[in-house]
Amino acid sequence: MIRLIQTKMAKKTTHWKTKDVNGMRMMICQNSKPTMSKYSEFAPEDGECDEWSEVGTDTTASLCWRCTARSVNNIRLK
């Protein structure tokens, strides 16, 4: 008789900084750490992004509007 044992593999998780501002939950852009971001190709040319976005309570990661804009036709904003 063969028994299958289910094991849970540990997931690699990244925790992004959050803060509360006037009752709103804010989260730093994923490109604040380009080496850990899924979307590092859209990070600012000069390094790390420092934008904060308002997010919901269940949000685990966020990409700011500036980095999102870069993903559309590779638009570069100053």
PDB file of N, CA and C in Angstrom:
ATOM      1  N   MET A   1       0.841  -1.169   0.000  1.00  0.00           N
ATOM      2  CA  MET A   1       0.000   0.000   0.000  1.00  0.00           C
ATOM      3  C   MET A   1       0.896   1.245   0.000  1.00  0.00           C
ATOM      4  N   ILE A   2       0.610   2.165  -0.902  1.00  0.00           N
ATOM      5  CA  ILE A   2       1.379   3.402  -1.020  1.00  0.00           C
ATOM      6  C   ILE A   2       0.532   4.545  -0.474  1.00  0.00           C
ATOM      7  N   ARG A   3       1.128   5.310   0.414  1.00  0.00           N
ATOM      8  CA  ARG A   3       0.439   6.486   0.953  1.00  0.00           C
ATOM      9  C   ARG A   3       1.107   7.733   0.413  1.00  0.00           C
ATOM     10  N   LEU A   4       0.288   8.647  -0.017  1.00  0.00           N
ATOM     11  CA  LEU A   4       0.812   9.924  -0.489  1.00  0.00           C
ATOM     12  C   LEU A   4       0.745  10.922   0.658  1.00  0.00           C
ATOM     13  N   ILE A   5       1.828  11.570   0.904  1.00  0.00           N
ATOM     14  CA  ILE A   5       1.873  12.567   1.960  1.00  0.00           C
ATOM     15  C   ILE A   5       2.002  13.938   1.309  1.00  0.00           C
ATOM     16  N   GLN A   6       1.084  14.802   1.662  1.00  0.00           N
ATOM     17  CA  GLN A   6       1.120  16.151   1.115  1.00  0.00           C
ATOM     18  C   GLN A   6       1.975  17.037   2.003  1.00  0.00           C
ATOM     19  N   THR A   7       2.879  17.746   1.387  1.00  0.00           N
ATOM     20  CA  THR A   7       3.695  18.688   2.141  1.00  0.00           C
ATOM     21  C   THR A   7       3.513  20.070   1.542  1.00  0.00           C
ATOM     22  N   LYS A   8       3.600  21.044   2.386  1.00  0.00           N
ATOM     23  CA  LYS A   8       3.489  22.415   1.902  1.00  0.00           C
ATOM     24  C   LYS A   8       4.888  22.984   1.770  1.00  0.00           C
ATOM     25  N   MET A   9       5.198  23.428   0.577  1.00  0.00           N
ATOM     26  CA  MET A   9       6.491  24.047   0.321  1.00  0.00           C
ATOM     27  C   MET A   9       6.423  25.502   0.773  1.00  0.00           C
ATOM     28  N   ALA A  10       7.467  25.973   1.354  1.00  0.00           N
ATOM     29  CA  ALA A  10       7.516  27.365   1.792  1.00  0.00           C
ATOM     30  C   ALA A  10       7.616  28.268   0.564  1.00  0.00           C
ATOM     31  N   LYS A  11       6.787  29.292   0.534  1.00  0.00           N
ATOM     32  CA  LYS A  11       6.839  30.256  -0.551  1.00  0.00           C
ATOM     33  C   LYS A  11       7.776  31.387  -0.169  1.00  0.00           C
ATOM     34  N   LYS A  12       8.492  31.865  -1.153  1.00  0.00           N
ATOM     35  CA  LYS A  12       9.331  33.027  -0.921  1.00  0.00           C
ATOM     36  C   LYS A  12       8.420  34.251  -0.974  1.00  0.00           C
ATOM     37  N   THR A  13       8.370  34.995   0.095  1.00  0.00           N
ATOM     38  CA  THR A  13       7.514  36.175   0.125  1.00  0.00           C
ATOM     39  C   THR A  13       8.349  37.418   0.368  1.00  0.00           C
ATOM     40  N   THR A  14       7.898  38.494  -0.204  1.00  0.00           N
ATOM     41  CA  THR A  14       8.521  39.784  -0.003  1.00  0.00           C
ATOM     42  C   THR A  14       7.504  40.676   0.672  1.00  0.00           C
ATOM     43  N   HIS A  15       7.924  41.358   1.710  1.00  0.00           N
ATOM     44  CA  HIS A  15       7.025  42.263   2.413  1.00  0.00           C
ATOM     45  C   HIS A  15       7.381  43.693   2.024  1.00  0.00           C
ATOM     46  N   TRP A  16       6.394  44.396   1.499  1.00  0.00           N
ATOM     47  CA  TRP A  16       6.603  45.773   1.083  1.00  0.00           C
ATOM     48  C   TRP A  16       6.175  46.694   2.212  1.00  0.00           C
ATOM     49  N   LYS A  17       6.870  47.805   2.352  1.00  0.00           N
ATOM     50  CA  LYS A  17       6.580  48.751   3.428  1.00  0.00           C
ATOM     51  C   LYS A  17       5.178  49.320   3.290  1.00  0.00           C
ATOM     52  N   THR A  18       4.495  49.484   4.424  1.00  0.00           N
ATOM     53  CA  THR A  18       3.185  50.129   4.466  1.00  0.00           C
ATOM     54  C   THR A  18       3.197  51.175   5.569  1.00  0.00           C
ATOM     55  N   LYS A  19       2.272  52.122   5.455  1.00  0.00           N
ATOM     56  CA  LYS A  19       2.092  53.121   6.501  1.00  0.00           C
ATOM     57  C   LYS A  19       0.654  53.624   6.434  1.00  0.00           C
ATOM     58  N   ASP A  20       0.168  54.153   7.537  1.00  0.00           N
ATOM     59  CA  ASP A  20      -1.171  54.731   7.584  1.00  0.00           C
ATOM     60  C   ASP A  20      -1.052  56.247   7.550  1.00  0.00           C
ATOM     61  N   VAL A  21      -1.794  56.853   6.612  1.00  0.00           N
ATOM     62  CA  VAL A  21      -1.810  58.304   6.477  1.00  0.00           C
ATOM     63  C   VAL A  21      -3.267  58.747   6.478  1.00  0.00           C
ATOM     64  N   ASN A  22      -3.677  59.457   7.513  1.00  0.00           N
ATOM     65  CA  ASN A  22      -5.056  59.946   7.632  1.00  0.00           C
ATOM     66  C   ASN A  22      -6.081  58.833   7.430  1.00  0.00           C
ATOM     67  N   GLY A  23      -5.836  57.668   8.000  1.00  0.00           N
ATOM     68  CA  GLY A  23      -6.762  56.546   7.910  1.00  0.00           C
ATOM     69  C   GLY A  23      -6.668  55.745   6.616  1.00  0.00           C
ATOM     70  N   MET A  24      -5.743  56.106   5.722  1.00  0.00           N
ATOM     71  CA  MET A  24      -5.571  55.372   4.466  1.00  0.00           C
ATOM     72  C   MET A  24      -4.321  54.504   4.582  1.00  0.00           C
ATOM     73  N   ARG A  25      -4.391  53.300   4.037  1.00  0.00           N
ATOM     74  CA  ARG A  25      -3.226  52.409   4.028  1.00  0.00           C
ATOM     75  C   ARG A  25      -2.427  52.704   2.761  1.00  0.00           C
ATOM     76  N   MET A  26      -1.166  53.024   2.948  1.00  0.00           N
ATOM     77  CA  MET A  26      -0.278  53.344   1.835  1.00  0.00           C
ATOM     78  C   MET A  26       0.792  52.265   1.737  1.00  0.00           C
ATOM     79  N   MET A  27       1.217  51.954   0.505  1.00  0.00           N
ATOM     80  CA  MET A  27       2.253  50.947   0.284  1.00  0.00           C
ATOM     81  C   MET A  27       3.284  51.496  -0.691  1.00  0.00           C
ATOM     82  N   ILE A  28       4.538  51.178  -0.435  1.00  0.00           N
ATOM     83  CA  ILE A  28       5.635  51.604  -1.311  1.00  0.00           C
ATOM     84  C   ILE A  28       5.588  50.782  -2.602  1.00  0.00           C
ATOM     85  N   CYS A  29       6.012  51.371  -3.694  1.00  0.00           N
ATOM     86  CA  CYS A  29       6.051  50.701  -4.998  1.00  0.00           C
ATOM     87  C   CYS A  29       6.998  49.503  -4.960  1.00  0.00           C
ATOM     88  N   GLN A  30       6.653  48.453  -5.692  1.00  0.00           N
ATOM     89  CA  GLN A  30       7.519  47.265  -5.767  1.00  0.00           C
ATOM     90  C   GLN A  30       8.910  47.625  -6.270  1.00  0.00           C
ATOM     91  N   ASN A  31       8.986  48.655  -7.110  1.00  0.00           N
ATOM     92  CA  ASN A  31      10.278  49.037  -7.671  1.00  0.00           C
ATOM     93  C   ASN A  31      11.119  49.868  -6.704  1.00  0.00           C
ATOM     94  N   SER A  32      10.708  49.908  -5.431  1.00  0.00           N
ATOM     95  CA  SER A  32      11.578  50.485  -4.409  1.00  0.00           C
ATOM     96  C   SER A  32      12.727  49.517  -4.138  1.00  0.00           C
ATOM     97  N   LYS A  33      12.535  48.264  -4.517  1.00  0.00           N
ATOM     98  CA  LYS A  33      13.585  47.235  -4.448  1.00  0.00           C
ATOM     99  C   LYS A  33      13.610  46.530  -5.811  1.00  0.00           C
ATOM    100  N   PRO A  34      14.202  47.158  -6.822  1.00  0.00           N
ATOM    101  CA  PRO A  34      14.164  46.584  -8.171  1.00  0.00           C
ATOM    102  C   PRO A  34      14.697  45.159  -8.263  1.00  0.00           C
ATOM    103  N   THR A  35      15.639  44.789  -7.418  1.00  0.00           N
ATOM    104  CA  THR A  35      16.201  43.437  -7.493  1.00  0.00           C
ATOM    105  C   THR A  35      15.187  42.388  -7.025  1.00  0.00           C
ATOM    106  N   MET A  36      14.180  42.801  -6.281  1.00  0.00           N
ATOM    107  CA  MET A  36      13.175  41.862  -5.773  1.00  0.00           C
ATOM    108  C   MET A  36      11.830  42.005  -6.483  1.00  0.00           C
ATOM    109  N   SER A  37      11.703  42.984  -7.366  1.00  0.00           N
ATOM    110  CA  SER A  37      10.440  43.280  -8.038  1.00  0.00           C
ATOM    111  C   SER A  37      10.241  42.417  -9.277  1.00  0.00           C
ATOM    112  N   LYS A  38       8.977  42.057  -9.518  1.00  0.00           N
ATOM    113  CA  LYS A  38       8.641  41.332 -10.751  1.00  0.00           C
ATOM    114  C   LYS A  38       8.748  42.252 -11.960  1.00  0.00           C
ATOM    115  N   TYR A  39       8.637  43.560 -11.719  1.00  0.00           N
ATOM    116  CA  TYR A  39       8.552  44.537 -12.804  1.00  0.00           C
ATOM    117  C   TYR A  39       9.746  45.487 -12.809  1.00  0.00           C
ATOM    118  N   SER A  40      10.912  44.969 -12.515  1.00  0.00           N
ATOM    119  CA  SER A  40      12.101  45.820 -12.396  1.00  0.00           C
ATOM    120  C   SER A  40      12.469  46.521 -13.705  1.00  0.00           C
ATOM    121  N   GLU A  41      12.044  45.979 -14.836  1.00  0.00           N
ATOM    122  CA  GLU A  41      12.357  46.637 -16.115  1.00  0.00           C
ATOM    123  C   GLU A  41      11.646  47.981 -16.252  1.00  0.00           C
ATOM    124  N   PHE A  42      10.664  48.248 -15.381  1.00  0.00           N
ATOM    125  CA  PHE A  42       9.937  49.515 -15.420  1.00  0.00           C
ATOM    126  C   PHE A  42      10.317  50.438 -14.267  1.00  0.00           C
ATOM    127  N   ALA A  43      11.382  50.115 -13.561  1.00  0.00           N
ATOM    128  CA  ALA A  43      11.877  50.959 -12.463  1.00  0.00           C
ATOM    129  C   ALA A  43      12.478  52.236 -13.050  1.00  0.00           C
ATOM    130  N   PRO A  44      12.581  53.286 -12.248  1.00  0.00           N
ATOM    131  CA  PRO A  44      13.216  54.513 -12.735  1.00  0.00           C
ATOM    132  C   PRO A  44      14.649  54.251 -13.201  1.00  0.00           C
ATOM    133  N   GLU A  45      15.071  54.997 -14.195  1.00  0.00           N
ATOM    134  CA  GLU A  45      16.406  54.801 -14.748  1.00  0.00           C
ATOM    135  C   GLU A  45      17.498  55.085 -13.720  1.00  0.00           C
ATOM    136  N   ASP A  46      17.193  55.980 -12.772  1.00  0.00           N
ATOM    137  CA  ASP A  46      18.208  56.355 -11.782  1.00  0.00           C
ATOM    138  C   ASP A  46      18.168  55.490 -10.524  1.00  0.00           C
ATOM    139  N   GLY A  47      17.444  54.383 -10.557  1.00  0.00           N
ATOM    140  CA  GLY A  47      17.471  53.463  -9.416  1.00  0.00           C
ATOM    141  C   GLY A  47      16.115  53.108  -8.855  1.00  0.00           C
ATOM    142  N   GLU A  48      15.949  53.351  -7.561  1.00  0.00           N
ATOM    143  CA  GLU A  48      14.761  52.902  -6.852  1.00  0.00           C
ATOM    144  C   GLU A  48      13.620  53.910  -6.932  1.00  0.00           C
ATOM    145  N   CYS A  49      12.387  53.385  -6.944  1.00  0.00           N
ATOM    146  CA  CYS A  49      11.180  54.217  -6.947  1.00  0.00           C
ATOM    147  C   CYS A  49      10.818  54.531  -5.492  1.00  0.00           C
ATOM    148  N   ASP A  50      10.375  55.760  -5.244  1.00  0.00           N
ATOM    149  CA  ASP A  50      10.003  56.148  -3.879  1.00  0.00           C
ATOM    150  C   ASP A  50       8.535  56.573  -3.770  1.00  0.00           C
ATOM    151  N   GLU A  51       7.720  56.165  -4.741  1.00  0.00           N
ATOM    152  CA  GLU A  51       6.287  56.493  -4.750  1.00  0.00           C
ATOM    153  C   GLU A  51       5.508  55.601  -3.792  1.00  0.00           C
ATOM    154  N   TRP A  52       4.510  56.177  -3.124  1.00  0.00           N
ATOM    155  CA  TRP A  52       3.582  55.449  -2.261  1.00  0.00           C
ATOM    156  C   TRP A  52       2.204  55.515  -2.897  1.00  0.00           C
ATOM    157  N   SER A  53       1.435  54.428  -2.820  1.00  0.00           N
ATOM    158  CA  SER A  53       0.086  54.370  -3.377  1.00  0.00           C
ATOM    159  C   SER A  53      -0.898  53.943  -2.300  1.00  0.00           C
ATOM    160  N   GLU A  54      -2.121  54.471  -2.396  1.00  0.00           N
ATOM    161  CA  GLU A  54      -3.171  54.030  -1.479  1.00  0.00           C
ATOM    162  C   GLU A  54      -3.620  52.640  -1.903  1.00  0.00           C
ATOM    163  N   VAL A  55      -3.717  51.721  -0.941  1.00  0.00           N
ATOM    164  CA  VAL A  55      -4.078  50.332  -1.229  1.00  0.00           C
ATOM    165  C   VAL A  55      -5.132  49.845  -0.243  1.00  0.00           C
ATOM    166  N   GLY A  56      -5.745  48.719  -0.566  1.00  0.00           N
ATOM    167  CA  GLY A  56      -6.714  48.083   0.322  1.00  0.00           C
ATOM    168  C   GLY A  56      -6.022  47.238   1.379  1.00  0.00           C
ATOM    169  N   THR A  57      -6.796  46.741   2.311  1.00  0.00           N
ATOM    170  CA  THR A  57      -6.231  45.978   3.422  1.00  0.00           C
ATOM    171  C   THR A  57      -5.677  44.622   2.993  1.00  0.00           C
ATOM    172  N   ASP A  58      -6.160  44.065   1.887  1.00  0.00           N
ATOM    173  CA  ASP A  58      -5.703  42.750   1.433  1.00  0.00           C
ATOM    174  C   ASP A  58      -4.565  42.826   0.423  1.00  0.00           C
ATOM    175  N   THR A  59      -4.119  44.015   0.079  1.00  0.00           N
ATOM    176  CA  THR A  59      -3.076  44.184  -0.930  1.00  0.00           C
ATOM    177  C   THR A  59      -1.730  43.689  -0.400  1.00  0.00           C
ATOM    178  N   THR A  60      -1.031  42.916  -1.234  1.00  0.00           N
ATOM    179  CA  THR A  60       0.270  42.391  -0.819  1.00  0.00           C
ATOM    180  C   THR A  60       1.434  43.056  -1.551  1.00  0.00           C
ATOM    181  N   ALA A  61       1.166  43.675  -2.693  1.00  0.00           N
ATOM    182  CA  ALA A  61       2.205  44.380  -3.446  1.00  0.00           C
ATOM    183  C   ALA A  61       1.528  45.402  -4.353  1.00  0.00           C
ATOM    184  N   SER A  62       2.264  46.444  -4.687  1.00  0.00           N
ATOM    185  CA  SER A  62       1.694  47.511  -5.496  1.00  0.00           C
ATOM    186  C   SER A  62       2.746  48.071  -6.443  1.00  0.00           C
ATOM    187  N   LEU A  63       2.304  48.446  -7.644  1.00  0.00           N
ATOM    188  CA  LEU A  63       3.169  49.122  -8.609  1.00  0.00           C
ATOM    189  C   LEU A  63       2.575  50.519  -8.801  1.00  0.00           C
ATOM    190  N   CYS A  64       3.355  51.552  -8.552  1.00  0.00           N
ATOM    191  CA  CYS A  64       2.841  52.922  -8.610  1.00  0.00           C
ATOM    192  C   CYS A  64       2.464  53.316 -10.036  1.00  0.00           C
ATOM    193  N   TRP A  65       1.797  54.465 -10.145  1.00  0.00           N
ATOM    194  CA  TRP A  65       1.334  54.917 -11.460  1.00  0.00           C
ATOM    195  C   TRP A  65       2.494  55.275 -12.377  1.00  0.00           C
ATOM    196  N   ARG A  66       3.598  55.753 -11.823  1.00  0.00           N
ATOM    197  CA  ARG A  66       4.737  56.122 -12.674  1.00  0.00           C
ATOM    198  C   ARG A  66       5.379  54.882 -13.307  1.00  0.00           C
ATOM    199  N   CYS A  67       5.579  53.846 -12.517  1.00  0.00           N
ATOM    200  CA  CYS A  67       6.160  52.605 -13.040  1.00  0.00           C
ATOM    201  C   CYS A  67       5.185  51.912 -13.981  1.00  0.00           C
ATOM    202  N   THR A  68       3.895  51.999 -13.675  1.00  0.00           N
ATOM    203  CA  THR A  68       2.884  51.435 -14.570  1.00  0.00           C
ATOM    204  C   THR A  68       2.903  52.161 -15.910  1.00  0.00           C
ATOM    205  N   ALA A  69       3.046  53.495 -15.886  1.00  0.00           N
ATOM    206  CA  ALA A  69       3.107  54.274 -17.130  1.00  0.00           C
ATOM    207  C   ALA A  69       4.310  53.869 -17.970  1.00  0.00           C
ATOM    208  N   ARG A  70       5.435  53.557 -17.324  1.00  0.00           N
ATOM    209  CA  ARG A  70       6.620  53.116 -18.064  1.00  0.00           C
ATOM    210  C   ARG A  70       6.380  51.785 -18.767  1.00  0.00           C
ATOM    211  N   SER A  71       5.457  50.989 -18.242  1.00  0.00           N
ATOM    212  CA  SER A  71       5.183  49.681 -18.847  1.00  0.00           C
ATOM    213  C   SER A  71       4.362  49.804 -20.126  1.00  0.00           C
ATOM    214  N   VAL A  72       3.751  50.954 -20.333  1.00  0.00           N
ATOM    215  CA  VAL A  72       2.940  51.174 -21.524  1.00  0.00           C
ATOM    216  C   VAL A  72       3.796  51.924 -22.546  1.00  0.00           C
ATOM    217  N   ASN A  73       4.190  51.260 -23.578  1.00  0.00           N
ATOM    218  CA  ASN A  73       5.034  51.841 -24.632  1.00  0.00           C
ATOM    219  C   ASN A  73       6.341  52.404 -24.099  1.00  0.00           C
ATOM    220  N   ASN A  74       6.780  51.915 -22.956  1.00  0.00           N
ATOM    221  CA  ASN A  74       8.061  52.327 -22.359  1.00  0.00           C
ATOM    222  C   ASN A  74       8.166  53.830 -22.186  1.00  0.00           C
ATOM    223  N   ILE A  75       7.079  54.459 -21.727  1.00  0.00           N
ATOM    224  CA  ILE A  75       7.046  55.906 -21.481  1.00  0.00           C
ATOM    225  C   ILE A  75       7.966  56.234 -20.320  1.00  0.00           C
ATOM    226  N   ARG A  76       8.775  57.258 -20.448  1.00  0.00           N
ATOM    227  CA  ARG A  76       9.670  57.696 -19.369  1.00  0.00           C
ATOM    228  C   ARG A  76       9.195  59.029 -18.846  1.00  0.00           C
ATOM    229  N   LEU A  77       8.893  59.085 -17.547  1.00  0.00           N
ATOM    230  CA  LEU A  77       8.436  60.314 -16.904  1.00  0.00           C
ATOM    231  C   LEU A  77       9.554  60.868 -16.043  1.00  0.00           C
ATOM    232  N   LYS A  78       9.587  62.159 -15.888  1.00  0.00           N
ATOM    233  CA  LYS A  78      10.593  62.783 -15.017  1.00  0.00           C
ATOM    234  C   LYS A  78       9.977  63.159 -13.708  1.00  0.00           C
TER     235      LYS A  78
END
